[in-house]
PDB file of N, CA and C in Angstrom:
ATOM      1  N   UNK A   1      28.834-114.456   2.168  1.00  0.00           N
ATOM      2  CA  UNK A   1      28.617-114.376   3.551  1.00  0.00           C
ATOM      3  C   UNK A   1      28.858-113.265   3.729  1.00  0.00           C
ATOM      4  N   UNK A   2      27.191-112.517   4.676  1.00  0.00           N
ATOM      5  CA  UNK A   2      27.833-110.855   4.879  1.00  0.00           C
ATOM      6  C   UNK A   2      28.260-110.737   6.168  1.00  0.00           C
ATOM      7  N   UNK A   3      29.002-109.711   7.137  1.00  0.00           N
ATOM      8  CA  UNK A   3      29.601-110.048   7.915  1.00  0.00           C
ATOM      9  C   UNK A   3      28.896-109.062   8.659  1.00  0.00           C
ATOM     10  N   UNK A   4      29.263-109.527  10.082  1.00  0.00           N
ATOM     11  CA  UNK A   4      28.616-108.840  11.201  1.00  0.00           C
ATOM     12  C   UNK A   4      28.264-106.800  11.068  1.00  0.00           C
ATOM     13  N   UNK A   5      27.127-106.427  11.480  1.00  0.00           N
ATOM     14  CA  UNK A   5      26.841-105.029  11.714  1.00  0.00           C
ATOM     15  C   UNK A   5      26.669-104.859  12.963  1.00  0.00           C
ATOM     16  N   UNK A   6      26.675-103.661  12.873  1.00  0.00           N
ATOM     17  CA  UNK A   6      26.346-102.830  14.448  1.00  0.00           C
ATOM     18  C   UNK A   6      26.043-101.884  14.182  1.00  0.00           C
ATOM     19  N   UNK A   7      24.815-101.204  15.160  1.00  0.00           N
ATOM     20  CA  UNK A   7      23.708-100.114  15.316  1.00  0.00           C
ATOM     21  C   UNK A   7      23.472 -99.834  16.905  1.00  0.00           C
ATOM     22  N   UNK A   8      23.319 -98.761  16.882  1.00  0.00           N
ATOM     23  CA  UNK A   8      22.671 -98.156  18.387  1.00  0.00           C
ATOM     24  C   UNK A   8      21.733 -97.719  18.333  1.00  0.00           C
ATOM     25  N   UNK A   9      21.324 -97.852  19.610  1.00  0.00           N
ATOM     26  CA  UNK A   9      19.341 -97.044  19.970  1.00  0.00           C
ATOM     27  C   UNK A   9      19.811 -96.276  20.818  1.00  0.00           C
ATOM     28  N   UNK A  10      19.410 -94.777  21.111  1.00  0.00           N
ATOM     29  CA  UNK A  10      19.769 -94.314  21.798  1.00  0.00           C
ATOM     30  C   UNK A  10      18.224 -94.223  23.078  1.00  0.00           C
ATOM     31  N   UNK A  11      18.505 -94.513  24.532  1.00  0.00           N
ATOM     32  CA  UNK A  11      17.202 -94.555  24.800  1.00  0.00           C
ATOM     33  C   UNK A  11      16.821 -93.263  26.160  1.00  0.00           C
ATOM     34  N   UNK A  12      15.682 -93.041  26.040  1.00  0.00           N
ATOM     35  CA  UNK A  12      15.283 -92.076  26.620  1.00  0.00           C
ATOM     36  C   UNK A  12      14.449 -92.571  28.347  1.00  0.00           C
ATOM     37  N   UNK A  13      14.346 -91.446  28.916  1.00  0.00           N
ATOM     38  CA  UNK A  13      13.605 -91.745  29.927  1.00  0.00           C
ATOM     39  C   UNK A  13      12.503 -92.539  30.293  1.00  0.00           C
ATOM     40  N   UNK A  14      12.221 -93.536  30.717  1.00  0.00           N
ATOM     41  CA  UNK A  14      10.752 -94.586  30.869  1.00  0.00           C
ATOM     42  C   UNK A  14      11.008 -95.220  29.413  1.00  0.00           C
ATOM     43  N   UNK A  15       9.831 -95.695  28.721  1.00  0.00           N
ATOM     44  CA  UNK A  15       9.039 -96.375  27.428  1.00  0.00           C
ATOM     45  C   UNK A  15       9.790 -96.283  26.615  1.00  0.00           C
ATOM     46  N   UNK A  16      10.809 -97.340  25.615  1.00  0.00           N
ATOM     47  CA  UNK A  16      11.074 -96.624  24.629  1.00  0.00           C
ATOM     48  C   UNK A  16      10.696 -97.997  23.510  1.00  0.00           C
ATOM     49  N   UNK A  17      10.300 -97.863  22.654  1.00  0.00           N
ATOM     50  CA  UNK A  17      10.030 -99.321  21.649  1.00  0.00           C
ATOM     51  C   UNK A  17      10.408 -98.717  20.015  1.00  0.00           C
ATOM     52  N   UNK A  18      11.083-100.032  19.688  1.00  0.00           N
ATOM     53  CA  UNK A  18      12.408 -99.773  18.970  1.00  0.00           C
ATOM     54  C   UNK A  18      12.329-100.750  17.603  1.00  0.00           C
ATOM     55  N   UNK A  19      12.780-100.813  16.732  1.00  0.00           N
ATOM     56  CA  UNK A  19      12.310-101.467  15.650  1.00  0.00           C
ATOM     57  C   UNK A  19      14.079-102.092  15.243  1.00  0.00           C
ATOM     58  N   UNK A  20      14.020-103.573  15.267  1.00  0.00           N
ATOM     59  CA  UNK A  20      15.344-103.763  14.895  1.00  0.00           C
ATOM     60  C   UNK A  20      15.346-104.938  14.028  1.00  0.00           C
ATOM     61  N   UNK A  21      16.230-105.713  13.490  1.00  0.00           N
ATOM     62  CA  UNK A  21      16.422-106.261  12.654  1.00  0.00           C
ATOM     63  C   UNK A  21      15.978-107.878  13.611  1.00  0.00           C
ATOM     64  N   UNK A  22      15.690-108.752  13.201  1.00  0.00           N
ATOM     65  CA  UNK A  22      14.850-109.866  14.766  1.00  0.00           C
ATOM     66  C   UNK A  22      16.463-110.857  15.016  1.00  0.00           C
ATOM     67  N   UNK A  23      17.427-110.763  13.940  1.00  0.00           N
ATOM     68  CA  UNK A  23      18.393-111.413  14.953  1.00  0.00           C
ATOM     69  C   UNK A  23      19.381-110.796  15.308  1.00  0.00           C
ATOM     70  N   UNK A  24      18.809-108.744  15.895  1.00  0.00           N
ATOM     71  CA  UNK A  24      19.804-108.421  16.451  1.00  0.00           C
ATOM     72  C   UNK A  24      20.363-108.858  18.138  1.00  0.00           C
ATOM     73  N   UNK A  25      21.480-108.997  18.549  1.00  0.00           N
ATOM     74  CA  UNK A  25      22.114-109.904  19.823  1.00  0.00           C
ATOM     75  C   UNK A  25      22.804-108.153  20.369  1.00  0.00           C
ATOM     76  N   UNK A  26      22.167-108.005  21.853  1.00  0.00           N
ATOM     77  CA  UNK A  26      22.964-106.973  22.241  1.00  0.00           C
ATOM     78  C   UNK A  26      24.405-107.281  22.541  1.00  0.00           C
ATOM     79  N   UNK A  27      24.859-105.496  22.700  1.00  0.00           N
ATOM     80  CA  UNK A  27      26.916-106.429  22.450  1.00  0.00           C
ATOM     81  C   UNK A  27      27.384-105.468  23.409  1.00  0.00           C
ATOM     82  N   UNK A  28      26.420-103.903  23.578  1.00  0.00           N
ATOM     83  CA  UNK A  28      27.424-103.188  24.727  1.00  0.00           C
ATOM     84  C   UNK A  28      26.114-102.192  25.415  1.00  0.00           C
ATOM     85  N   UNK A  29      26.165-101.740  26.275  1.00  0.00           N
ATOM     86  CA  UNK A  29      25.890-100.355  26.702  1.00  0.00           C
ATOM     87  C   UNK A  29      26.813 -99.503  26.752  1.00  0.00           C
ATOM     88  N   UNK A  30      26.320 -98.236  26.122  1.00  0.00           N
ATOM     89  CA  UNK A  30      27.744 -97.187  25.980  1.00  0.00           C
ATOM     90  C   UNK A  30      26.478 -96.208  26.717  1.00  0.00           C
ATOM     91  N   UNK A  31      27.358 -94.962  27.377  1.00  0.00           N
ATOM     92  CA  UNK A  31      27.211 -94.037  28.423  1.00  0.00           C
ATOM     93  C   UNK A  31      28.059 -92.334  27.753  1.00  0.00           C
ATOM     94  N   UNK A  32      27.317 -91.427  27.360  1.00  0.00           N
ATOM     95  CA  UNK A  32      28.044 -90.399  26.636  1.00  0.00           C
ATOM     96  C   UNK A  32      27.060 -89.379  27.285  1.00  0.00           C
ATOM     97  N   UNK A  33      28.255 -88.429  28.110  1.00  0.00           N
ATOM     98  CA  UNK A  33      27.142 -87.986  29.265  1.00  0.00           C
ATOM     99  C   UNK A  33      26.549 -88.299  29.975  1.00  0.00           C
ATOM    100  N   UNK A  34      25.239 -87.567  30.016  1.00  0.00           N
ATOM    101  CA  UNK A  34      23.674 -88.600  30.362  1.00  0.00           C
ATOM    102  C   UNK A  34      23.122 -89.067  29.556  1.00  0.00           C
ATOM    103  N   UNK A  35      23.603 -89.511  28.151  1.00  0.00           N
ATOM    104  CA  UNK A  35      22.851 -90.495  27.483  1.00  0.00           C
ATOM    105  C   UNK A  35      22.881 -92.036  26.912  1.00  0.00           C
ATOM    106  N   UNK A  36      22.344 -92.671  27.198  1.00  0.00           N
ATOM    107  CA  UNK A  36      22.264 -94.396  27.587  1.00  0.00           C
ATOM    108  C   UNK A  36      21.931 -94.965  26.365  1.00  0.00           C
ATOM    109  N   UNK A  37      22.773 -95.388  25.256  1.00  0.00           N
ATOM    110  CA  UNK A  37      22.551 -96.454  24.162  1.00  0.00           C
ATOM    111  C   UNK A  37      23.009 -97.540  24.665  1.00  0.00           C
ATOM    112  N   UNK A  38      22.311 -98.589  23.227  1.00  0.00           N
ATOM    113  CA  UNK A  38      22.886 -99.579  23.252  1.00  0.00           C
ATOM    114  C   UNK A  38      23.176-100.222  21.923  1.00  0.00           C
ATOM    115  N   UNK A  39      24.037-100.917  21.917  1.00  0.00           N
ATOM    116  CA  UNK A  39      24.537-101.208  21.027  1.00  0.00           C
ATOM    117  C   UNK A  39      24.502-103.142  20.548  1.00  0.00           C
ATOM    118  N   UNK A  40      23.871-103.126  19.263  1.00  0.00           N
ATOM    119  CA  UNK A  40      23.324-104.282  19.327  1.00  0.00           C
ATOM    120  C   UNK A  40      24.395-104.598  18.062  1.00  0.00           C
ATOM    121  N   UNK A  41      24.497-106.363  17.468  1.00  0.00           N
ATOM    122  CA  UNK A  41      25.172-106.814  16.233  1.00  0.00           C
ATOM    123  C   UNK A  41      24.292-108.216  15.844  1.00  0.00           C
ATOM    124  N   UNK A  42      24.234-107.672  14.556  1.00  0.00           N
ATOM    125  CA  UNK A  42      23.182-108.100  13.592  1.00  0.00           C
ATOM    126  C   UNK A  42      24.065-108.715  12.295  1.00  0.00           C
ATOM    127  N   UNK A  43      23.083-109.143  11.524  1.00  0.00           N
ATOM    128  CA  UNK A  43      23.512-109.763  10.012  1.00  0.00           C
ATOM    129  C   UNK A  43      22.756-108.932   9.145  1.00  0.00           C
ATOM    130  N   UNK A  44      21.906-107.782   9.890  1.00  0.00           N
ATOM    131  CA  UNK A  44      21.073-107.024   9.137  1.00  0.00           C
ATOM    132  C   UNK A  44      19.783-107.604   7.892  1.00  0.00           C
ATOM    133  N   UNK A  45      19.932-109.165   7.832  1.00  0.00           N
ATOM    134  CA  UNK A  45      19.048-109.703   6.868  1.00  0.00           C
ATOM    135  C   UNK A  45      17.400-110.043   7.137  1.00  0.00           C
ATOM    136  N   UNK A  46      17.641-110.339   9.004  1.00  0.00           N
ATOM    137  CA  UNK A  46      16.452-110.794   9.378  1.00  0.00           C
ATOM    138  C   UNK A  46      15.900-109.718   9.219  1.00  0.00           C
ATOM    139  N   UNK A  47      13.750-110.370   9.216  1.00  0.00           N
ATOM    140  CA  UNK A  47      12.762-109.498   9.350  1.00  0.00           C
ATOM    141  C   UNK A  47      12.651-108.667  10.430  1.00  0.00           C
ATOM    142  N   UNK A  48      12.393-107.332  10.345  1.00  0.00           N
ATOM    143  CA  UNK A  48      12.202-106.385  11.538  1.00  0.00           C
ATOM    144  C   UNK A  48      11.554-106.684  12.715  1.00  0.00           C
ATOM    145  N   UNK A  49      11.382-106.617  14.059  1.00  0.00           N
ATOM    146  CA  UNK A  49      11.041-106.794  14.888  1.00  0.00           C
ATOM    147  C   UNK A  49      10.807-105.591  16.239  1.00  0.00           C
ATOM    148  N   UNK A  50      10.087-105.774  16.726  1.00  0.00           N
ATOM    149  CA  UNK A  50       9.876-104.422  17.719  1.00  0.00           C
ATOM    150  C   UNK A  50      10.274-104.587  18.906  1.00  0.00           C
ATOM    151  N   UNK A  51      11.290-104.590  19.959  1.00  0.00           N
ATOM    152  CA  UNK A  51      11.210-104.467  21.013  1.00  0.00           C
ATOM    153  C   UNK A  51      11.525-103.489  21.742  1.00  0.00           C
ATOM    154  N   UNK A  52      11.296-103.117  23.071  1.00  0.00           N
ATOM    155  CA  UNK A  52      10.687-102.400  24.220  1.00  0.00           C
ATOM    156  C   UNK A  52      11.923-102.536  25.172  1.00  0.00           C
ATOM    157  N   UNK A  53      12.451-100.797  25.675  1.00  0.00           N
ATOM    158  CA  UNK A  53      12.828-101.317  26.749  1.00  0.00           C
ATOM    159  C   UNK A  53      12.665-100.246  27.653  1.00  0.00           C
ATOM    160  N   UNK A  54      12.568 -99.746  28.685  1.00  0.00           N
ATOM    161  CA  UNK A  54      12.574 -99.144  29.768  1.00  0.00           C
ATOM    162  C   UNK A  54      13.880 -98.689  30.754  1.00  0.00           C
ATOM    163  N   UNK A  55      13.516 -97.358  30.937  1.00  0.00           N
ATOM    164  CA  UNK A  55      14.982 -96.542  31.564  1.00  0.00           C
ATOM    165  C   UNK A  55      14.427 -95.670  32.797  1.00  0.00           C
ATOM    166  N   UNK A  56      15.223 -96.121  33.372  1.00  0.00           N
ATOM    167  CA  UNK A  56      14.845 -95.035  35.037  1.00  0.00           C
ATOM    168  C   UNK A  56      16.620 -94.334  35.564  1.00  0.00           C
ATOM    169  N   UNK A  57      15.827 -93.635  36.314  1.00  0.00           N
ATOM    170  CA  UNK A  57      16.836 -92.784  36.500  1.00  0.00           C
ATOM    171  C   UNK A  57      16.759 -92.842  37.492  1.00  0.00           C
ATOM    172  N   UNK A  58      17.979 -92.795  38.809  1.00  0.00           N
ATOM    173  CA  UNK A  58      17.515 -93.127  39.778  1.00  0.00           C
ATOM    174  C   UNK A  58      16.539 -93.548  41.153  1.00  0.00           C
ATOM    175  N   UNK A  59      15.954 -94.422  40.358  1.00  0.00           N
ATOM    176  CA  UNK A  59      14.751 -94.162  41.347  1.00  0.00           C
ATOM    177  C   UNK A  59      14.352 -95.853  40.601  1.00  0.00           C
ATOM    178  N   UNK A  60      13.695 -96.762  41.469  1.00  0.00           N
ATOM    179  CA  UNK A  60      12.888 -98.370  40.663  1.00  0.00           C
ATOM    180  C   UNK A  60      11.714 -97.792  40.327  1.00  0.00           C
ATOM    181  N   UNK A  61      11.636 -98.833  39.265  1.00  0.00           N
ATOM    182  CA  UNK A  61      10.438 -98.566  38.667  1.00  0.00           C
ATOM    183  C   UNK A  61       8.922 -98.719  39.216  1.00  0.00           C
ATOM    184  N   UNK A  62       8.176 -97.345  39.350  1.00  0.00           N
ATOM    185  CA  UNK A  62       7.218 -97.211  40.168  1.00  0.00           C
ATOM    186  C   UNK A  62       5.719 -96.911  38.975  1.00  0.00           C
ATOM    187  N   UNK A  63       6.225 -96.655  37.814  1.00  0.00           N
ATOM    188  CA  UNK A  63       4.936 -96.248  37.720  1.00  0.00           C
ATOM    189  C   UNK A  63       4.574 -97.448  35.824  1.00  0.00           C
ATOM    190  N   UNK A  64       5.304 -98.672  35.725  1.00  0.00           N
ATOM    191  CA  UNK A  64       5.175 -98.840  34.621  1.00  0.00           C
ATOM    192  C   UNK A  64       3.920-100.262  34.906  1.00  0.00           C
ATOM    193  N   UNK A  65       3.715-100.494  33.636  1.00  0.00           N
ATOM    194  CA  UNK A  65       2.397-101.826  34.090  1.00  0.00           C
ATOM    195  C   UNK A  65       2.527-102.001  32.456  1.00  0.00           C
ATOM    196  N   UNK A  66       3.395-101.966  31.933  1.00  0.00           N
ATOM    197  CA  UNK A  66       3.683-102.272  30.221  1.00  0.00           C
ATOM    198  C   UNK A  66       3.985-103.970  30.101  1.00  0.00           C
ATOM    199  N   UNK A  67       4.383-104.458  30.875  1.00  0.00           N
ATOM    200  CA  UNK A  67       4.935-105.753  31.251  1.00  0.00           C
ATOM    201  C   UNK A  67       5.826-105.958  31.739  1.00  0.00           C
ATOM    202  N   UNK A  68       6.992-107.503  31.663  1.00  0.00           N
ATOM    203  CA  UNK A  68       8.116-107.737  32.529  1.00  0.00           C
ATOM    204  C   UNK A  68       9.427-107.191  32.197  1.00  0.00           C
ATOM    205  N   UNK A  69       9.907-106.807  32.752  1.00  0.00           N
ATOM    206  CA  UNK A  69      10.825-106.203  33.532  1.00  0.00           C
ATOM    207  C   UNK A  69      11.744-107.558  33.263  1.00  0.00           C
ATOM    208  N   UNK A  70      12.647-106.598  32.609  1.00  0.00           N
ATOM    209  CA  UNK A  70      14.100-107.679  32.844  1.00  0.00           C
ATOM    210  C   UNK A  70      15.419-107.100  32.893  1.00  0.00           C
ATOM    211  N   UNK A  71      16.418-106.454  34.167  1.00  0.00           N
ATOM    212  CA  UNK A  71      16.941-106.056  33.926  1.00  0.00           C
ATOM    213  C   UNK A  71      18.225-106.202  33.572  1.00  0.00           C
ATOM    214  N   UNK A  72      18.799-105.700  32.377  1.00  0.00           N
ATOM    215  CA  UNK A  72      19.831-105.599  31.711  1.00  0.00           C
ATOM    216  C   UNK A  72      20.854-104.948  31.762  1.00  0.00           C
ATOM    217  N   UNK A  73      21.123-103.680  32.344  1.00  0.00           N
ATOM    218  CA  UNK A  73      22.319-103.081  33.371  1.00  0.00           C
ATOM    219  C   UNK A  73      21.863-101.720  34.195  1.00  0.00           C
ATOM    220  N   UNK A  74      22.618-101.966  34.847  1.00  0.00           N
ATOM    221  CA  UNK A  74      22.755-100.379  35.795  1.00  0.00           C
ATOM    222  C   UNK A  74      23.860 -99.844  35.415  1.00  0.00           C
ATOM    223  N   UNK A  75      23.727 -98.753  35.095  1.00  0.00           N
ATOM    224  CA  UNK A  75      24.590 -97.592  34.351  1.00  0.00           C
ATOM    225  C   UNK A  75      25.130 -96.436  35.896  1.00  0.00           C
ATOM    226  N   UNK A  76      26.054 -96.667  36.354  1.00  0.00           N
ATOM    227  CA  UNK A  76      26.515 -95.459  37.835  1.00  0.00           C
ATOM    228  C   UNK A  76      27.604 -94.330  36.998  1.00  0.00           C
ATOM    229  N   UNK A  77      26.220 -93.231  36.797  1.00  0.00           N
ATOM    230  CA  UNK A  77      27.511 -92.215  35.739  1.00  0.00           C
ATOM    231  C   UNK A  77      28.368 -91.552  36.546  1.00  0.00           C
ATOM    232  N   UNK A  78      29.545 -90.789  35.947  1.00  0.00           N
ATOM    233  CA  UNK A  78      30.680 -89.775  37.024  1.00  0.00           C
ATOM    234  C   UNK A  78      30.633 -89.382  37.973  1.00  0.00           C
ATOM    235  N   UNK A  79      29.379 -88.887  38.298  1.00  0.00           N
ATOM    236  CA  UNK A  79      29.393 -87.742  38.992  1.00  0.00           C
ATOM    237  C   UNK A  79      29.047 -87.924  40.211  1.00  0.00           C
ATOM    238  N   UNK A  80      28.416 -89.307  40.380  1.00  0.00           N
ATOM    239  CA  UNK A  80      28.102 -90.629  42.125  1.00  0.00           C
ATOM    240  C   UNK A  80      27.038 -90.066  41.980  1.00  0.00           C
ATOM    241  N   UNK A  81      26.256 -89.471  41.392  1.00  0.00           N
ATOM    242  CA  UNK A  81      24.757 -88.995  41.968  1.00  0.00           C
ATOM    243  C   UNK A  81      23.540 -90.089  41.119  1.00  0.00           C
ATOM    244  N   UNK A  82      23.991 -90.110  40.045  1.00  0.00           N
ATOM    245  CA  UNK A  82      22.979 -90.685  38.991  1.00  0.00           C
ATOM    246  C   UNK A  82      23.893 -91.873  38.803  1.00  0.00           C
ATOM    247  N   UNK A  83      22.173 -92.887  38.514  1.00  0.00           N
ATOM    248  CA  UNK A  83      22.108 -94.302  38.391  1.00  0.00           C
ATOM    249  C   UNK A  83      20.598 -94.511  37.345  1.00  0.00           C
ATOM    250  N   UNK A  84      21.187 -95.494  36.197  1.00  0.00           N
ATOM    251  CA  UNK A  84      20.257 -95.532  35.653  1.00  0.00           C
ATOM    252  C   UNK A  84      20.057 -96.854  35.107  1.00  0.00           C
ATOM    253  N   UNK A  85      18.775 -97.398  35.072  1.00  0.00           N
ATOM    254  CA  UNK A  85      18.632 -99.000  35.364  1.00  0.00           C
ATOM    255  C   UNK A  85      18.102 -99.108  34.029  1.00  0.00           C
ATOM    256  N   UNK A  86      18.383 -99.955  33.500  1.00  0.00           N
ATOM    257  CA  UNK A  86      18.152-100.486  32.076  1.00  0.00           C
ATOM    258  C   UNK A  86      17.236-101.780  32.062  1.00  0.00           C
ATOM    259  N   UNK A  87      15.672-101.915  31.592  1.00  0.00           N
ATOM    260  CA  UNK A  87      15.338-102.998  31.215  1.00  0.00           C
ATOM    261  C   UNK A  87      14.815-103.372  30.206  1.00  0.00           C
ATOM    262  N   UNK A  88      15.045-104.787  29.814  1.00  0.00           N
ATOM    263  CA  UNK A  88      13.696-104.994  28.669  1.00  0.00           C
ATOM    264  C   UNK A  88      12.670-105.435  28.718  1.00  0.00           C
ATOM    265  N   UNK A  89      11.592-105.561  27.897  1.00  0.00           N
ATOM    266  CA  UNK A  89      10.171-105.373  28.495  1.00  0.00           C
ATOM    267  C   UNK A  89      10.015-106.930  27.597  1.00  0.00           C
ATOM    268  N   UNK A  90       9.171-107.891  28.741  1.00  0.00           N
ATOM    269  CA  UNK A  90       8.162-108.583  28.101  1.00  0.00           C
ATOM    270  C   UNK A  90       7.193-108.564  28.198  1.00  0.00           C
ATOM    271  N   UNK A  91       6.237-108.985  26.941  1.00  0.00           N
ATOM    272  CA  UNK A  91       4.516-108.314  27.254  1.00  0.00           C
ATOM    273  C   UNK A  91       3.779-109.953  27.639  1.00  0.00           C
TER     274      UNK A  91
END
């Protein structure tokens, strides 16, 4: 039996499409400076799938028409003036 593996995906402002193993489960949202990344737990053997995420800084989504958004988390940065909203996108 293979143990769990972890992988991180760095997100950019706006629409992000990433390839992940089909069994990847979001385990943590990490913030370093103004870089937001998602950390996934996986056993690494499932076929890859494309998952889509959207990141908005300091505002609500106003220019988006790619599908339905589900808020994953809202991250306030230490400077007290910046907030990142991280969404998963469903077609």
